[in-house]
Amino acid sequence: MAVTDKAIVKIKEMIVSGELSPGSRLPREADLAVRLGLARSSLREAVRALALMNILHVRQGDGTYVTSLDSRLLLDALNFVVDFHRDDSVMQLLEVRRVIEPAATEMAAVRIADEQLQHLSHLLKVGDETSSVDELVANDLEFHRSVAEASGNDVLSSLVDGLSAPTQRVRIWRGLTEHGALERTLSEHRAIYDALVARQPDLAKSWMTVHIAGVEQWLRQVL
């Protein structure tokens, strides 16, 4: 294991053990380097890497602090990596969405609040057959984000949000080339919404599975 990696592991252990809690300040660089048995240069590289992962926050002239460690903040690093996906990995992203989004939708059917249902209802009204493909896809992204948020699980919601954006181009492509794709998307959104209103987790999960699998199946046929 590289020296910098060892330094990362040691700092992580301090956080996991509770010695360093969210918002706490790390000891001075010189003191921490001696304590961990590291060269200051290695420690500096480790801090830089952990800052990129939103685990640490370096305040110039003030010191280095542990972030809030909020799941959305930490998953930003994953979303950054997903943004660099290649076209041939889109299918894999859709497969992952098919696994996690129905689960989020199932949870949402139990936990969704009235105001969240009102927001979904509004999205169904503004997204219709008269909208452009770009507008409908933007509406689709917001619909999926809102359903995942209604699950009440920040980690799951962040994962869904991070995986939705990279498949945006595929959704636009489908909307432009497949006959009836836009109408089918709107119909499936309504079915998902109706299941959420009825508080039927199994039905909501099934409709979301059908919804995402449709895009995946279309892409397989095209490729």
C-alpha atoms as a PDB file:
ATOM      1  CA  MET A   1       0.000   0.000   0.000  1.00  0.00           C
ATOM      2  CA  ALA A   2       1.322   3.442  -0.944  1.00  0.00           C
ATOM      3  CA  VAL A   3       2.329   5.776   1.891  1.00  0.00           C
ATOM      4  CA  THR A   4      -0.427   8.253   0.974  1.00  0.00           C
ATOM      5  CA  ASP A   5      -3.000   5.445   1.037  1.00  0.00           C
ATOM      6  CA  LYS A   6      -1.805   4.437   4.501  1.00  0.00           C
ATOM      7  CA  ALA A   7      -2.229   8.029   5.639  1.00  0.00           C
ATOM      8  CA  ILE A   8      -5.790   8.083   4.262  1.00  0.00           C
ATOM      9  CA  VAL A   9      -6.605   4.856   6.109  1.00  0.00           C
ATOM     10  CA  LYS A  10      -5.240   6.212   9.395  1.00  0.00           C
ATOM     11  CA  ILE A  11      -7.250   9.438   9.164  1.00  0.00           C
ATOM     12  CA  LYS A  12     -10.335   7.445   8.216  1.00  0.00           C
ATOM     13  CA  GLU A  13      -9.854   5.255  11.288  1.00  0.00           C
ATOM     14  CA  MET A  14      -9.787   8.353  13.473  1.00  0.00           C
ATOM     15  CA  ILE A  15     -13.111   9.450  11.993  1.00  0.00           C
ATOM     16  CA  VAL A  16     -14.776   6.025  12.118  1.00  0.00           C
ATOM     17  CA  SER A  17     -13.709   5.487  15.730  1.00  0.00           C
ATOM     18  CA  GLY A  18     -15.299   8.787  16.702  1.00  0.00           C
ATOM     19  CA  GLU A  19     -12.034  10.419  17.704  1.00  0.00           C
ATOM     20  CA  LEU A  20     -12.705  12.948  14.958  1.00  0.00           C
ATOM     21  CA  SER A  21     -16.400  13.793  14.708  1.00  0.00           C
ATOM     22  CA  PRO A  22     -18.260  15.757  12.003  1.00  0.00           C
ATOM     23  CA  GLY A  23     -17.232  19.406  12.176  1.00  0.00           C
ATOM     24  CA  SER A  24     -14.163  18.787  14.351  1.00  0.00           C
ATOM     25  CA  ARG A  25     -10.767  20.224  13.535  1.00  0.00           C
ATOM     26  CA  LEU A  26      -7.766  18.020  12.803  1.00  0.00           C
ATOM     27  CA  PRO A  27      -4.632  18.469  14.958  1.00  0.00           C
ATOM     28  CA  ARG A  28      -1.894  20.672  13.531  1.00  0.00           C
ATOM     29  CA  GLU A  29      -0.181  19.094  10.529  1.00  0.00           C
ATOM     30  CA  ALA A  30       3.175  18.745  12.292  1.00  0.00           C
ATOM     31  CA  ASP A  31       1.609  17.130  15.373  1.00  0.00           C
ATOM     32  CA  LEU A  32      -0.606  14.784  13.383  1.00  0.00           C
ATOM     33  CA  ALA A  33       2.277  13.697  11.153  1.00  0.00           C
ATOM     34  CA  VAL A  34       4.366  12.749  14.199  1.00  0.00           C
ATOM     35  CA  ARG A  35       1.480  10.980  15.865  1.00  0.00           C
ATOM     36  CA  LEU A  36       0.687   8.897  12.757  1.00  0.00           C
ATOM     37  CA  GLY A  37       4.346   8.281  11.926  1.00  0.00           C
ATOM     38  CA  LEU A  38       4.067   9.947   8.535  1.00  0.00           C
ATOM     39  CA  ALA A  39       6.050  12.459   6.566  1.00  0.00           C
ATOM     40  CA  ARG A  40       4.256  15.787   6.364  1.00  0.00           C
ATOM     41  CA  SER A  41       4.218  15.540   2.571  1.00  0.00           C
ATOM     42  CA  SER A  42       2.375  12.203   2.714  1.00  0.00           C
ATOM     43  CA  LEU A  43      -0.093  13.578   5.233  1.00  0.00           C
ATOM     44  CA  ARG A  44      -0.669  16.608   3.023  1.00  0.00           C
ATOM     45  CA  GLU A  45      -1.451  14.386   0.021  1.00  0.00           C
ATOM     46  CA  ALA A  46      -3.864  12.331   2.117  1.00  0.00           C
ATOM     47  CA  VAL A  47      -5.683  15.450   3.296  1.00  0.00           C
ATOM     48  CA  ARG A  48      -5.912  16.690  -0.281  1.00  0.00           C
ATOM     49  CA  ALA A  49      -7.420  13.369  -1.419  1.00  0.00           C
ATOM     50  CA  LEU A  50      -9.940  13.281   1.440  1.00  0.00           C
ATOM     51  CA  ALA A  51     -10.906  16.875   0.674  1.00  0.00           C
ATOM     52  CA  LEU A  52     -11.707  15.881  -2.910  1.00  0.00           C
ATOM     53  CA  MET A  53     -13.980  13.183  -1.486  1.00  0.00           C
ATOM     54  CA  ASN A  54     -15.726  15.817   0.695  1.00  0.00           C
ATOM     55  CA  ILE A  55     -14.601  14.069   3.880  1.00  0.00           C
ATOM     56  CA  LEU A  56     -12.283  16.900   4.912  1.00  0.00           C
ATOM     57  CA  HIS A  57     -12.534  20.630   4.314  1.00  0.00           C
ATOM     58  CA  VAL A  58      -9.399  22.766   4.258  1.00  0.00           C
ATOM     59  CA  ARG A  59      -9.935  26.336   5.420  1.00  0.00           C
ATOM     60  CA  GLN A  60      -7.023  28.480   4.405  1.00  0.00           C
ATOM     61  CA  GLY A  61      -5.448  30.128   7.434  1.00  0.00           C
ATOM     62  CA  ASP A  62      -7.759  28.282   9.821  1.00  0.00           C
ATOM     63  CA  GLY A  63      -7.052  24.578   9.577  1.00  0.00           C
ATOM     64  CA  THR A  64      -8.557  21.335   8.291  1.00  0.00           C
ATOM     65  CA  TYR A  65     -11.964  20.159   9.451  1.00  0.00           C
ATOM     66  CA  VAL A  66     -14.052  17.037   9.099  1.00  0.00           C
ATOM     67  CA  THR A  67     -17.116  17.867   7.010  1.00  0.00           C
ATOM     68  CA  SER A  68     -20.687  17.168   8.111  1.00  0.00           C
ATOM     69  CA  LEU A  69     -20.256  13.709   6.488  1.00  0.00           C
ATOM     70  CA  ASP A  70     -23.770  14.112   5.143  1.00  0.00           C
ATOM     71  CA  SER A  71     -24.543  11.307   2.681  1.00  0.00           C
ATOM     72  CA  ARG A  72     -25.434  13.706  -0.135  1.00  0.00           C
ATOM     73  CA  LEU A  73     -22.125  15.488   0.300  1.00  0.00           C
ATOM     74  CA  LEU A  74     -20.108  12.262   0.308  1.00  0.00           C
ATOM     75  CA  LEU A  75     -21.943  10.846  -2.707  1.00  0.00           C
ATOM     76  CA  ASP A  76     -21.037  13.916  -4.765  1.00  0.00           C
ATOM     77  CA  ALA A  77     -17.707  12.189  -5.341  1.00  0.00           C
ATOM     78  CA  LEU A  78     -19.498   9.166  -6.787  1.00  0.00           C
ATOM     79  CA  ASN A  79     -21.626  11.396  -9.001  1.00  0.00           C
ATOM     80  CA  PHE A  80     -18.441  13.078 -10.244  1.00  0.00           C
ATOM     81  CA  VAL A  81     -17.060   9.694 -11.298  1.00  0.00           C
ATOM     82  CA  VAL A  82     -20.338   8.666 -12.943  1.00  0.00           C
ATOM     83  CA  ASP A  83     -20.206  11.809 -15.073  1.00  0.00           C
ATOM     84  CA  PHE A  84     -17.159  10.334 -16.819  1.00  0.00           C
ATOM     85  CA  HIS A  85     -19.009   7.215 -17.964  1.00  0.00           C
ATOM     86  CA  ARG A  86     -18.433   6.030 -21.518  1.00  0.00           C
ATOM     87  CA  ASP A  87     -21.304   5.452 -23.916  1.00  0.00           C
ATOM     88  CA  ASP A  88     -20.865   1.684 -23.627  1.00  0.00           C
ATOM     89  CA  SER A  89     -21.497   1.866 -19.874  1.00  0.00           C
ATOM     90  CA  VAL A  90     -24.934   3.472 -20.180  1.00  0.00           C
ATOM     91  CA  MET A  91     -26.530   0.030 -20.273  1.00  0.00           C
ATOM     92  CA  GLN A  92     -24.893  -0.818 -16.965  1.00  0.00           C
ATOM     93  CA  LEU A  93     -26.151   2.430 -15.453  1.00  0.00           C
ATOM     94  CA  LEU A  94     -29.680   1.561 -16.578  1.00  0.00           C
ATOM     95  CA  GLU A  95     -29.328  -1.881 -15.017  1.00  0.00           C
ATOM     96  CA  VAL A  96     -28.325  -0.315 -11.707  1.00  0.00           C
ATOM     97  CA  ARG A  97     -31.262   2.095 -11.921  1.00  0.00           C
ATOM     98  CA  ARG A  98     -33.599  -0.849 -12.472  1.00  0.00           C
ATOM     99  CA  VAL A  99     -32.329  -2.353  -9.213  1.00  0.00           C
ATOM    100  CA  ILE A 100     -32.442   0.671  -6.907  1.00  0.00           C
ATOM    101  CA  GLU A 101     -35.208   2.962  -8.209  1.00  0.00           C
ATOM    102  CA  PRO A 102     -38.068   0.478  -7.757  1.00  0.00           C
ATOM    103  CA  ALA A 103     -36.864  -0.031  -4.176  1.00  0.00           C
ATOM    104  CA  ALA A 104     -36.889   3.726  -3.607  1.00  0.00           C
ATOM    105  CA  THR A 105     -40.369   3.955  -5.099  1.00  0.00           C
ATOM    106  CA  GLU A 106     -41.600   1.150  -2.856  1.00  0.00           C
ATOM    107  CA  MET A 107     -40.352   3.058   0.187  1.00  0.00           C
ATOM    108  CA  ALA A 108     -41.863   6.292  -1.123  1.00  0.00           C
ATOM    109  CA  ALA A 109     -45.320   4.706  -1.282  1.00  0.00           C
ATOM    110  CA  VAL A 110     -45.166   4.317   2.491  1.00  0.00           C
ATOM    111  CA  ARG A 111     -43.426   7.556   3.417  1.00  0.00           C
ATOM    112  CA  ILE A 112     -44.412  10.169   0.836  1.00  0.00           C
ATOM    113  CA  ALA A 113     -45.870  13.387   2.249  1.00  0.00           C
ATOM    114  CA  ASP A 114     -48.944  15.177   0.893  1.00  0.00           C
ATOM    115  CA  GLU A 115     -46.899  18.126  -0.379  1.00  0.00           C
ATOM    116  CA  GLN A 116     -44.613  15.734  -2.249  1.00  0.00           C
ATOM    117  CA  LEU A 117     -47.637  14.143  -3.906  1.00  0.00           C
ATOM    118  CA  GLN A 118     -48.819  17.629  -4.872  1.00  0.00           C
ATOM    119  CA  HIS A 119     -45.449  18.335  -6.489  1.00  0.00           C
ATOM    120  CA  LEU A 120     -45.661  15.098  -8.516  1.00  0.00           C
ATOM    121  CA  SER A 121     -49.202  15.989  -9.540  1.00  0.00           C
ATOM    122  CA  HIS A 122     -47.941  19.363 -10.764  1.00  0.00           C
ATOM    123  CA  LEU A 123     -45.216  17.658 -12.813  1.00  0.00           C
ATOM    124  CA  LEU A 124     -47.825  15.438 -14.456  1.00  0.00           C
ATOM    125  CA  LYS A 125     -49.849  18.512 -15.425  1.00  0.00           C
ATOM    126  CA  VAL A 126     -47.012  20.551 -16.902  1.00  0.00           C
ATOM    127  CA  GLY A 127     -45.473  17.603 -18.754  1.00  0.00           C
ATOM    128  CA  ASP A 128     -47.793  16.699 -21.591  1.00  0.00           C
ATOM    129  CA  GLU A 129     -47.704  15.771 -25.275  1.00  0.00           C
ATOM    130  CA  THR A 130     -47.415  19.445 -26.277  1.00  0.00           C
ATOM    131  CA  SER A 131     -44.037  19.808 -24.537  1.00  0.00           C
ATOM    132  CA  SER A 132     -40.755  19.458 -26.416  1.00  0.00           C
ATOM    133  CA  VAL A 133     -38.584  16.379 -25.968  1.00  0.00           C
ATOM    134  CA  ASP A 134     -36.041  18.378 -23.944  1.00  0.00           C
ATOM    135  CA  GLU A 135     -38.788  19.707 -21.674  1.00  0.00           C
ATOM    136  CA  LEU A 136     -40.272  16.262 -21.157  1.00  0.00           C
ATOM    137  CA  VAL A 137     -36.885  14.755 -20.312  1.00  0.00           C
ATOM    138  CA  ALA A 138     -36.212  17.551 -17.800  1.00  0.00           C
ATOM    139  CA  ASN A 139     -39.654  16.850 -16.347  1.00  0.00           C
ATOM    140  CA  ASP A 140     -38.817  13.131 -16.264  1.00  0.00           C
ATOM    141  CA  LEU A 141     -35.589  13.773 -14.344  1.00  0.00           C
ATOM    142  CA  GLU A 142     -37.430  15.897 -11.784  1.00  0.00           C
ATOM    143  CA  PHE A 143     -40.169  13.261 -11.437  1.00  0.00           C
ATOM    144  CA  HIS A 144     -37.626  10.519 -10.678  1.00  0.00           C
ATOM    145  CA  ARG A 145     -35.655  12.773  -8.324  1.00  0.00           C
ATOM    146  CA  SER A 146     -38.804  13.689  -6.424  1.00  0.00           C
ATOM    147  CA  VAL A 147     -39.986  10.092  -6.077  1.00  0.00           C
ATOM    148  CA  ALA A 148     -36.579   9.015  -4.774  1.00  0.00           C
ATOM    149  CA  GLU A 149     -36.510  11.939  -2.329  1.00  0.00           C
ATOM    150  CA  ALA A 150     -39.920  10.846  -1.038  1.00  0.00           C
ATOM    151  CA  SER A 151     -38.350   7.540   0.018  1.00  0.00           C
ATOM    152  CA  GLY A 152     -36.966   9.419   3.014  1.00  0.00           C
ATOM    153  CA  ASN A 153     -33.574   7.762   2.521  1.00  0.00           C
ATOM    154  CA  ASP A 154     -30.933  10.367   1.660  1.00  0.00           C
ATOM    155  CA  VAL A 155     -28.369   7.794   0.536  1.00  0.00           C
ATOM    156  CA  LEU A 156     -30.805   6.093  -1.826  1.00  0.00           C
ATOM    157  CA  SER A 157     -32.071   9.435  -3.091  1.00  0.00           C
ATOM    158  CA  SER A 158     -28.533  10.629  -3.845  1.00  0.00           C
ATOM    159  CA  LEU A 159     -27.716   7.426  -5.704  1.00  0.00           C
ATOM    160  CA  VAL A 160     -30.830   7.711  -7.858  1.00  0.00           C
ATOM    161  CA  ASP A 161     -30.111  11.374  -8.572  1.00  0.00           C
ATOM    162  CA  GLY A 162     -26.522  10.636  -9.527  1.00  0.00           C
ATOM    163  CA  LEU A 163     -27.486   7.795 -11.872  1.00  0.00           C
ATOM    164  CA  SER A 164     -30.335   9.623 -13.601  1.00  0.00           C
ATOM    165  CA  ALA A 165     -28.428  12.488 -15.195  1.00  0.00           C
ATOM    166  CA  PRO A 166     -25.928  10.333 -17.166  1.00  0.00           C
ATOM    167  CA  THR A 167     -28.832   8.561 -18.907  1.00  0.00           C
ATOM    168  CA  GLN A 168     -30.433  11.837 -20.005  1.00  0.00           C
ATOM    169  CA  ARG A 169     -29.017  11.655 -23.521  1.00  0.00           C
ATOM    170  CA  VAL A 170     -30.436   8.156 -24.000  1.00  0.00           C
ATOM    171  CA  ARG A 171     -33.871   9.345 -22.910  1.00  0.00           C
ATOM    172  CA  ILE A 172     -33.774  12.241 -25.372  1.00  0.00           C
ATOM    173  CA  TRP A 173     -32.629   9.875 -28.112  1.00  0.00           C
ATOM    174  CA  ARG A 174     -35.499   7.508 -27.383  1.00  0.00           C
ATOM    175  CA  GLY A 175     -38.003  10.365 -27.313  1.00  0.00           C
ATOM    176  CA  LEU A 176     -36.880  11.546 -30.731  1.00  0.00           C
ATOM    177  CA  THR A 177     -36.704   8.166 -32.455  1.00  0.00           C
ATOM    178  CA  GLU A 178     -39.215   5.747 -30.906  1.00  0.00           C
ATOM    179  CA  HIS A 179     -42.837   6.195 -31.887  1.00  0.00           C
ATOM    180  CA  GLY A 180     -45.081   6.649 -28.857  1.00  0.00           C
ATOM    181  CA  ALA A 181     -42.202   6.832 -26.360  1.00  0.00           C
ATOM    182  CA  LEU A 182     -43.250  10.190 -24.912  1.00  0.00           C
ATOM    183  CA  GLU A 183     -46.879   9.175 -24.491  1.00  0.00           C
ATOM    184  CA  ARG A 184     -45.781   5.905 -22.864  1.00  0.00           C
ATOM    185  CA  THR A 185     -43.505   7.749 -20.445  1.00  0.00           C
ATOM    186  CA  LEU A 186     -46.305  10.083 -19.363  1.00  0.00           C
ATOM    187  CA  SER A 187     -48.711   7.164 -18.958  1.00  0.00           C
ATOM    188  CA  GLU A 188     -46.237   5.256 -16.788  1.00  0.00           C
ATOM    189  CA  HIS A 189     -45.577   8.362 -14.686  1.00  0.00           C
ATOM    190  CA  ARG A 190     -49.309   8.604 -14.021  1.00  0.00           C
ATOM    191  CA  ALA A 191     -49.460   4.922 -13.059  1.00  0.00           C
ATOM    192  CA  ILE A 192     -46.561   5.369 -10.626  1.00  0.00           C
ATOM    193  CA  TYR A 193     -48.222   8.465  -9.175  1.00  0.00           C
ATOM    194  CA  ASP A 194     -51.574   6.683  -8.764  1.00  0.00           C
ATOM    195  CA  ALA A 195     -49.857   3.832  -6.899  1.00  0.00           C
ATOM    196  CA  LEU A 196     -48.140   6.336  -4.606  1.00  0.00           C
ATOM    197  CA  VAL A 197     -51.422   8.117  -3.908  1.00  0.00           C
ATOM    198  CA  ALA A 198     -53.039   4.755  -3.118  1.00  0.00           C
ATOM    199  CA  ARG A 199     -50.103   3.906  -0.823  1.00  0.00           C
ATOM    200  CA  GLN A 200     -49.541   0.613  -2.630  1.00  0.00           C
ATOM    201  CA  PRO A 201     -45.795  -0.179  -2.341  1.00  0.00           C
ATOM    202  CA  ASP A 202     -45.822  -3.347  -4.462  1.00  0.00           C
ATOM    203  CA  LEU A 203     -47.728  -1.686  -7.292  1.00  0.00           C
ATOM    204  CA  ALA A 204     -45.541   1.424  -7.199  1.00  0.00           C
ATOM    205  CA  LYS A 205     -42.420  -0.736  -7.297  1.00  0.00           C
ATOM    206  CA  SER A 206     -43.777  -2.772 -10.226  1.00  0.00           C
ATOM    207  CA  TRP A 207     -44.658   0.269 -12.306  1.00  0.00           C
ATOM    208  CA  MET A 208     -41.244   1.850 -11.730  1.00  0.00           C
ATOM    209  CA  THR A 209     -39.595  -1.413 -12.783  1.00  0.00           C
ATOM    210  CA  VAL A 210     -41.662  -1.477 -15.976  1.00  0.00           C
ATOM    211  CA  HIS A 211     -40.887   2.190 -16.593  1.00  0.00           C
ATOM    212  CA  ILE A 212     -37.098   1.851 -16.359  1.00  0.00           C
ATOM    213  CA  ALA A 213     -36.988  -1.543 -18.059  1.00  0.00           C
ATOM    214  CA  GLY A 214     -38.693   0.017 -21.078  1.00  0.00           C
ATOM    215  CA  VAL A 215     -35.759   2.359 -21.695  1.00  0.00           C
ATOM    216  CA  GLU A 216     -33.295  -0.466 -21.091  1.00  0.00           C
ATOM    217  CA  GLN A 217     -35.092  -2.810 -23.488  1.00  0.00           C
ATOM    218  CA  TRP A 218     -35.262  -0.129 -26.184  1.00  0.00           C
ATOM    219  CA  LEU A 219     -31.531   0.569 -25.890  1.00  0.00           C
ATOM    220  CA  ARG A 220     -30.685  -3.130 -26.132  1.00  0.00           C
ATOM    221  CA  GLN A 221     -32.669  -3.375 -29.372  1.00  0.00           C
ATOM    222  CA  VAL A 222     -31.028  -0.262 -30.804  1.00  0.00           C
ATOM    223  CA  LEU A 223     -27.525  -1.416 -29.943  1.00  0.00           C
END
